[in-house]
């Protein structure tokens, strides 16, 4: 099956989305369980609670007794009402990360109240199109001090559709930012998996939304095959991914091939596949990779392979480097929740 296909369905009673590219499952999104963490992008009016010494942040009170952690909170006073937005998922038992720099994001436009100016995606190279988009942005945002980013999808979209999208995000931002006083309150729900897929996955060749399409189109089987503890690599090696409370441990094995180049081949295959495996599992945080036996002269090549692999990954990952014991460390933003027991049960 060639091309890109997007499937919207439900799993364990929750909205979920899958993206297949040339017959391979490349990405998977699923909503948090009911009563679980708030989706990224959720906006609250919160109340500053207490500072955290040495961390440069404060706890904030959210509705229903929830708590968030707000960094860069200089100048805030206890009891002060502030608008905050979720930026990620915290480890179990910790307050979720929040920011005061609100973003109102859609398929074509991102309104940035705290960052004035009109910017156009660098992926749009055509000067004529960039000039037309700049004129469009200035027209729709006239009279507003808010900033605007036009995303790469605007290159081929209709101007009328883009203008509607900008106007909708501007109106939403103006409405939300007018609610600065009062008790903790939910002001805007974060996008669910279906909305995120529409917003972030471009224009696929096929979109399937019929109930049960995950099962009928093989999505569940593809996901189950990709998230096992030990996943085979094309050359006969394997990669084992084990999340612990402290970190994500990744172990690369060369298998039964004992030729001189077997370990390097397995390591390269594992490095190229790792971003995809982490996406499908929803894993983030500290990552420690134990490659198959690797000489120091091959480390630079592995670093280049890792940089290339993670460059195209939508989730920010910082490559830290080698440890004294020869492992490689990285830090990945917690933008998704790990697949929970209910999801894993649905895949059995």
Protein backbone atom coordinates (compact mmCIF):
# COMPACT_ATOMS: atom_id res chain seq x y z
CA UNK A 1 0.00 0.00 0.00
CA UNK A 2 1.75 3.14 -1.25
CA UNK A 3 1.14 6.68 -0.04
CA UNK A 4 0.01 8.14 3.28
CA UNK A 5 -3.17 7.03 5.02
CA UNK A 6 -4.72 8.43 8.20
CA UNK A 7 -7.17 6.38 10.25
CA UNK A 8 -9.47 7.88 12.90
CA UNK A 9 -11.14 5.44 15.27
CA UNK A 10 -11.42 4.63 18.97
CA UNK A 11 -9.43 2.27 21.16
CA UNK A 12 -10.39 1.37 24.73
CA UNK A 13 -13.27 3.83 24.28
CA UNK A 14 -10.95 6.77 23.58
CA UNK A 15 -10.37 8.74 20.35
CA UNK A 16 -7.23 7.59 18.56
CA UNK A 17 -5.50 8.27 15.25
CA UNK A 18 -2.99 6.27 13.21
CA UNK A 19 -0.76 7.32 10.32
CA UNK A 20 0.48 4.77 7.81
CA UNK A 21 3.17 5.59 5.24
CA UNK A 22 3.74 3.07 2.43
CA UNK A 23 2.12 0.35 4.51
CA UNK A 24 4.16 1.02 7.68
CA UNK A 25 2.65 2.42 10.89
CA UNK A 26 4.57 5.68 11.44
CA UNK A 27 2.60 7.41 14.18
CA UNK A 28 -0.16 6.76 16.68
CA UNK A 29 -2.11 9.15 18.91
CA UNK A 30 -4.58 8.32 21.67
CA UNK A 31 -6.40 10.48 24.21
CA UNK A 32 -5.63 10.19 27.92
CA UNK A 33 -8.08 8.04 29.88
CA UNK A 34 -11.08 9.70 31.52
CA UNK A 35 -9.92 11.47 34.66
CA UNK A 36 -6.32 11.37 33.44
CA UNK A 37 -3.97 14.26 32.64
CA UNK A 38 -5.18 17.22 30.61
CA UNK A 39 -4.27 17.16 26.91
CA UNK A 40 -1.45 19.43 25.78
CA UNK A 41 -2.75 22.86 24.82
CA UNK A 42 -5.43 23.00 27.54
CA UNK A 43 -5.76 26.55 28.88
CA UNK A 44 -6.74 27.42 32.44
CA UNK A 45 -7.16 30.46 34.57
CA UNK A 46 -5.07 29.37 37.54
CA UNK A 47 -4.12 30.88 40.90
CA UNK A 48 -0.49 31.10 42.02
CA UNK A 49 0.02 28.90 45.07
CA UNK A 50 3.60 28.69 46.37
CA UNK A 51 7.10 29.06 44.94
CA UNK A 52 9.56 26.18 44.64
CA UNK A 53 12.92 27.32 45.91
CA UNK A 54 15.86 26.54 43.68
CA UNK A 55 13.69 25.62 40.66
CA UNK A 56 12.57 29.06 39.53
CA UNK A 57 8.91 28.14 39.42
CA UNK A 58 5.64 28.02 41.33
CA UNK A 59 2.80 25.62 41.86
CA UNK A 60 -0.52 26.88 40.56
CA UNK A 61 -4.00 25.82 41.59
CA UNK A 62 -6.23 24.52 38.81
CA UNK A 63 -9.96 23.62 38.87
CA UNK A 64 -11.14 20.51 40.74
CA UNK A 65 -8.18 20.54 43.12
CA UNK A 66 -5.57 19.85 40.42
CA UNK A 67 -2.08 21.35 40.53
CA UNK A 68 0.28 22.55 37.82
CA UNK A 69 3.92 23.61 37.83
CA UNK A 70 4.78 26.92 36.18
CA UNK A 71 8.40 27.75 35.34
CA UNK A 72 9.80 31.24 34.76
CA UNK A 73 7.37 32.67 37.30
CA UNK A 74 9.38 35.72 38.29
CA UNK A 75 7.21 38.57 39.57
CA UNK A 76 4.15 36.46 40.38
CA UNK A 77 2.57 36.77 43.82
CA UNK A 78 0.73 34.12 45.82
CA UNK A 79 -3.01 34.36 45.16
CA UNK A 80 -2.56 36.06 41.79
CA UNK A 81 -4.71 34.82 38.88
CA UNK A 82 -2.78 33.84 35.76
CA UNK A 83 -3.58 32.24 32.41
CA UNK A 84 -1.59 29.04 31.83
CA UNK A 85 -1.41 26.32 29.18
CA UNK A 86 -0.29 22.70 29.51
CA UNK A 87 2.94 21.94 27.63
CA UNK A 88 3.51 18.26 28.37
CA UNK A 89 2.82 15.33 30.67
CA UNK A 90 4.53 14.91 34.02
CA UNK A 91 5.85 11.76 35.61
CA UNK A 92 3.28 9.99 37.83
CA UNK A 93 2.74 11.86 41.08
CA UNK A 94 4.15 15.16 39.80
CA UNK A 95 2.40 18.37 38.76
CA UNK A 96 1.96 18.88 35.03
CA UNK A 97 4.18 21.46 33.30
CA UNK A 98 2.54 24.77 32.39
CA UNK A 99 3.49 27.99 30.61
CA UNK A 100 2.18 31.55 30.50
CA UNK A 101 3.14 31.87 26.83
CA UNK A 102 -0.13 30.80 25.27
CA UNK A 103 -0.34 29.43 21.74
CA UNK A 104 -3.53 29.19 19.71
CA UNK A 105 -2.69 26.60 17.09
CA UNK A 106 -4.64 25.36 14.08
CA UNK A 107 -3.83 23.70 10.78
CA UNK A 108 -2.69 26.87 9.03
CA UNK A 109 -2.08 29.46 11.73
CA UNK A 110 -0.62 29.88 15.20
CA UNK A 111 -1.56 33.05 17.07
CA UNK A 112 1.12 34.08 19.61
CA UNK A 113 -0.11 36.80 21.98
CA UNK A 114 3.28 37.10 23.70
CA UNK A 115 5.38 37.18 20.51
CA UNK A 116 4.34 40.00 18.17
CA UNK A 117 5.19 39.98 14.49
CA UNK A 118 4.06 37.98 11.47
CA UNK A 119 6.20 35.01 10.47
CA UNK A 120 5.93 32.48 7.65
CA UNK A 121 7.23 28.92 7.76
CA UNK A 122 10.75 28.59 6.42
CA UNK A 123 9.66 25.51 4.50
CA UNK A 124 7.84 27.82 2.09
CA UNK A 125 10.59 28.87 -0.35
CA UNK A 126 8.64 30.60 -3.12
CA UNK A 127 9.12 34.36 -2.71
CA UNK A 128 5.89 35.19 -4.51
CA UNK A 129 3.87 32.93 -2.24
CA UNK A 130 5.59 34.28 0.86
CA UNK A 131 4.74 37.84 -0.17
CA UNK A 132 1.08 36.90 -0.75
CA UNK A 133 0.88 35.18 2.63
CA UNK A 134 2.46 38.17 4.38
CA UNK A 135 -0.13 40.47 2.83
CA UNK A 136 -2.91 38.08 3.89
CA UNK A 137 -1.59 37.92 7.46
CA UNK A 138 -1.37 41.68 7.78
CA UNK A 139 -4.89 42.08 6.44
CA UNK A 140 -6.58 39.59 8.80
CA UNK A 141 -4.50 40.61 11.85
CA UNK A 142 -4.93 44.36 11.29
CA UNK A 143 -5.45 46.19 14.59
CA UNK A 144 -4.16 43.29 16.71
CA UNK A 145 -0.95 43.34 18.76
CA UNK A 146 -0.79 39.54 18.71
CA UNK A 147 1.83 37.69 16.72
CA UNK A 148 1.09 35.17 13.99
CA UNK A 149 2.89 32.20 12.46
CA UNK A 150 1.69 30.82 9.13
CA UNK A 151 2.49 27.13 8.92
CA UNK A 152 3.90 25.18 5.98
CA UNK A 153 0.43 23.91 4.96
CA UNK A 154 -0.46 27.44 3.84
CA UNK A 155 1.79 27.08 0.80
CA UNK A 156 -0.84 25.14 -1.16
CA UNK A 157 -4.03 26.04 0.74
CA UNK A 158 -6.70 28.40 -0.54
CA UNK A 159 -6.33 31.99 0.71
CA UNK A 160 -9.97 32.12 1.84
CA UNK A 161 -9.50 29.01 3.96
CA UNK A 162 -6.30 30.40 5.49
CA UNK A 163 -7.98 33.74 6.27
CA UNK A 164 -10.85 31.96 8.03
CA UNK A 165 -8.40 29.93 10.08
CA UNK A 166 -6.43 33.03 11.13
CA UNK A 167 -9.61 34.92 12.04
CA UNK A 168 -10.87 32.00 14.11
CA UNK A 169 -7.61 31.71 16.08
CA UNK A 170 -7.46 35.48 16.60
CA UNK A 171 -11.04 35.58 17.93
CA UNK A 172 -10.35 32.63 20.22
CA UNK A 173 -7.21 34.30 21.59
CA UNK A 174 -9.05 37.55 22.23
CA UNK A 175 -11.85 35.72 24.03
CA UNK A 176 -9.51 33.69 26.24
CA UNK A 177 -7.20 36.59 27.15
CA UNK A 178 -10.19 38.60 28.35
CA UNK A 179 -10.74 36.07 31.18
CA UNK A 180 -7.85 37.04 33.45
CA UNK A 181 -9.63 37.49 36.77
CA UNK A 182 -11.39 35.00 39.02
CA UNK A 183 -11.07 31.55 40.54
CA UNK A 184 -9.41 28.61 38.76
CA UNK A 185 -11.35 27.69 35.64
CA UNK A 186 -10.96 25.60 32.51
CA UNK A 187 -11.03 28.03 29.57
CA UNK A 188 -10.10 25.83 26.60
CA UNK A 189 -9.86 22.06 26.17
CA UNK A 190 -6.75 20.75 24.45
CA UNK A 191 -7.23 19.07 21.08
CA UNK A 192 -8.13 15.39 21.07
CA UNK A 193 -6.27 12.79 18.97
CA UNK A 194 -8.52 13.29 15.93
CA UNK A 195 -8.07 17.07 15.98
CA UNK A 196 -4.30 16.77 16.40
CA UNK A 197 -4.12 14.38 13.44
CA UNK A 198 -6.07 16.84 11.26
CA UNK A 199 -3.86 19.70 12.40
CA UNK A 200 -0.43 18.07 12.22
CA UNK A 201 -0.50 15.29 9.62
CA UNK A 202 -0.83 17.36 6.47
CA UNK A 203 -2.96 16.20 3.54
CA UNK A 204 -2.84 12.40 3.34
CA UNK A 205 -3.75 10.39 0.27
CA UNK A 206 -6.47 8.59 2.22
CA UNK A 207 -8.54 9.32 5.33
CA UNK A 208 -10.55 6.48 6.88
CA UNK A 209 -13.05 7.33 9.65
CA UNK A 210 -15.41 4.34 9.72
CA UNK A 211 -15.87 2.72 13.15
CA UNK A 212 -13.73 -0.38 13.50
CA UNK A 213 -11.24 0.68 10.81
CA UNK A 214 -8.32 0.05 13.19
CA UNK A 215 -9.17 -3.63 13.17
CA UNK A 216 -10.36 -4.00 9.60
CA UNK A 217 -7.34 -2.18 8.15
CA UNK A 218 -4.72 -3.90 10.30
CA UNK A 219 -3.79 -0.93 12.52
CA UNK A 220 -4.13 -2.90 15.75
CA UNK A 221 -1.92 -5.70 14.42
CA UNK A 222 0.70 -3.22 13.19
CA UNK A 223 0.76 -1.42 16.53
CA UNK A 224 1.00 -4.66 18.51
CA UNK A 225 3.92 -5.80 16.35
CA UNK A 226 5.76 -2.51 16.87
CA UNK A 227 5.47 -2.09 20.64
CA UNK A 228 6.59 -5.47 21.94
CA UNK A 229 9.42 -5.43 24.48
CA UNK A 230 11.83 -6.78 21.85
CA UNK A 231 11.34 -5.80 18.21
CA UNK A 232 13.29 -7.47 15.37
CA UNK A 233 15.36 -5.34 13.01
CA UNK A 234 15.54 -5.99 9.24
CA UNK A 235 19.12 -7.29 9.33
CA UNK A 236 18.50 -9.97 11.97
CA UNK A 237 19.29 -7.91 15.08
CA UNK A 238 16.79 -6.61 17.58
CA UNK A 239 16.04 -3.61 19.77
CA UNK A 240 14.64 -3.86 23.28
CA UNK A 241 12.95 -0.84 24.87
CA UNK A 242 12.16 -0.92 28.58
CA UNK A 243 10.66 2.16 30.29
CA UNK A 244 11.50 2.44 33.99
CA UNK A 245 10.56 5.13 36.50
CA UNK A 246 13.99 6.76 36.15
CA UNK A 247 14.67 6.41 32.42
CA UNK A 248 13.99 4.56 29.19
CA UNK A 249 16.52 1.80 28.66
CA UNK A 250 17.27 0.82 25.06
CA UNK A 251 19.34 -2.27 24.29
CA UNK A 252 20.54 -3.15 20.79
CA UNK A 253 21.50 -6.73 19.92
CA UNK A 254 23.16 -7.92 16.71
CA UNK A 255 21.50 -11.34 16.86
CA UNK A 256 23.18 -14.48 15.60
CA UNK A 257 25.27 -12.71 12.98
CA UNK A 258 28.86 -12.59 14.28
CA UNK A 259 30.47 -11.05 11.21
CA UNK A 260 32.68 -7.97 11.82
CA UNK A 261 30.08 -5.54 10.45
CA UNK A 262 27.03 -7.11 12.15
CA UNK A 263 27.08 -4.92 15.26
CA UNK A 264 27.48 -1.65 13.35
CA UNK A 265 24.71 -2.65 10.95
CA UNK A 266 22.33 -3.45 13.82
CA UNK A 267 23.21 -0.20 15.59
CA UNK A 268 22.47 1.87 12.49
CA UNK A 269 19.16 0.10 11.92
CA UNK A 270 18.21 0.61 15.58
CA UNK A 271 19.12 4.31 15.54
CA UNK A 272 17.01 4.91 12.43
CA UNK A 273 14.03 3.05 13.89
CA UNK A 274 14.20 4.45 17.44
CA UNK A 275 12.20 7.69 16.91
CA UNK A 276 9.33 5.71 15.40
CA UNK A 277 9.30 3.15 18.22
CA UNK A 278 9.30 5.92 20.84
CA UNK A 279 6.45 7.74 19.07
CA UNK A 280 4.28 4.63 18.88
CA UNK A 281 4.83 3.91 22.58
CA UNK A 282 4.32 7.54 23.64
CA UNK A 283 7.62 7.53 25.54
CA UNK A 284 9.58 10.57 26.70
CA UNK A 285 12.08 11.61 29.35
CA UNK A 286 15.66 10.45 29.78
CA UNK A 287 16.82 7.78 27.31
CA UNK A 288 19.92 5.61 27.71
CA UNK A 289 20.97 3.54 24.68
CA UNK A 290 23.23 0.52 25.08
CA UNK A 291 24.38 -0.14 21.53
CA UNK A 292 25.78 -3.47 20.38
CA UNK A 293 29.61 -3.54 20.79
CA UNK A 294 30.82 -0.38 19.10
CA UNK A 295 34.35 0.90 18.62
CA UNK A 296 35.11 4.53 19.44
CA UNK A 297 35.98 5.26 15.82
CA UNK A 298 32.37 4.45 14.85
CA UNK A 299 30.80 6.79 17.42
CA UNK A 300 30.79 9.82 15.14
CA UNK A 301 28.93 7.86 12.48
CA UNK A 302 26.34 6.77 15.03
CA UNK A 303 25.87 10.35 16.21
CA UNK A 304 25.19 11.44 12.63
CA UNK A 305 22.67 8.63 12.13
CA UNK A 306 20.88 9.60 15.35
CA UNK A 307 20.80 13.30 14.44
CA UNK A 308 19.33 12.50 11.05
CA UNK A 309 16.75 10.13 12.53
CA UNK A 310 15.51 12.56 15.18
CA UNK A 311 15.63 15.62 12.91
CA UNK A 312 12.42 14.53 11.18
CA UNK A 313 10.70 13.49 14.41
CA UNK A 314 7.90 15.85 15.54
CA UNK A 315 8.84 15.55 19.22
CA UNK A 316 11.80 17.56 20.48
CA UNK A 317 14.71 15.32 21.49
CA UNK A 318 18.07 16.58 22.77
CA UNK A 319 21.02 14.28 22.01
CA UNK A 320 23.34 14.57 25.02
CA UNK A 321 26.19 12.27 23.98
CA UNK A 322 28.25 9.36 25.26
CA UNK A 323 28.69 8.30 28.87
CA UNK A 324 32.01 7.07 30.30
CA UNK A 325 30.65 3.51 30.03
CA UNK A 326 29.97 3.88 26.31
CA UNK A 327 26.19 4.34 26.40
CA UNK A 328 24.45 7.16 24.54
CA UNK A 329 22.05 9.49 26.36
CA UNK A 330 19.20 11.66 25.10
CA UNK A 331 16.37 13.70 26.62
CA UNK A 332 12.96 13.60 24.96
CA UNK A 333 10.08 15.96 25.67
CA UNK A 334 7.09 14.30 27.33
CA UNK A 335 4.49 15.32 24.74
CA UNK A 336 2.58 12.04 24.91
CA UNK A 337 1.43 9.57 27.51
CA UNK A 338 2.86 6.04 27.44
CA UNK A 339 0.41 3.42 26.24
CA UNK A 340 -1.46 2.27 29.33
CA UNK A 341 -2.86 -1.09 30.39
CA UNK A 342 -6.23 -0.48 28.74
CA UNK A 343 -4.60 0.12 25.36
CA UNK A 344 -2.29 -2.87 25.69
CA UNK A 345 -5.25 -5.09 26.62
CA UNK A 346 -7.13 -3.93 23.49
CA UNK A 347 -4.16 -5.04 21.38
CA UNK A 348 -4.11 -8.60 22.71
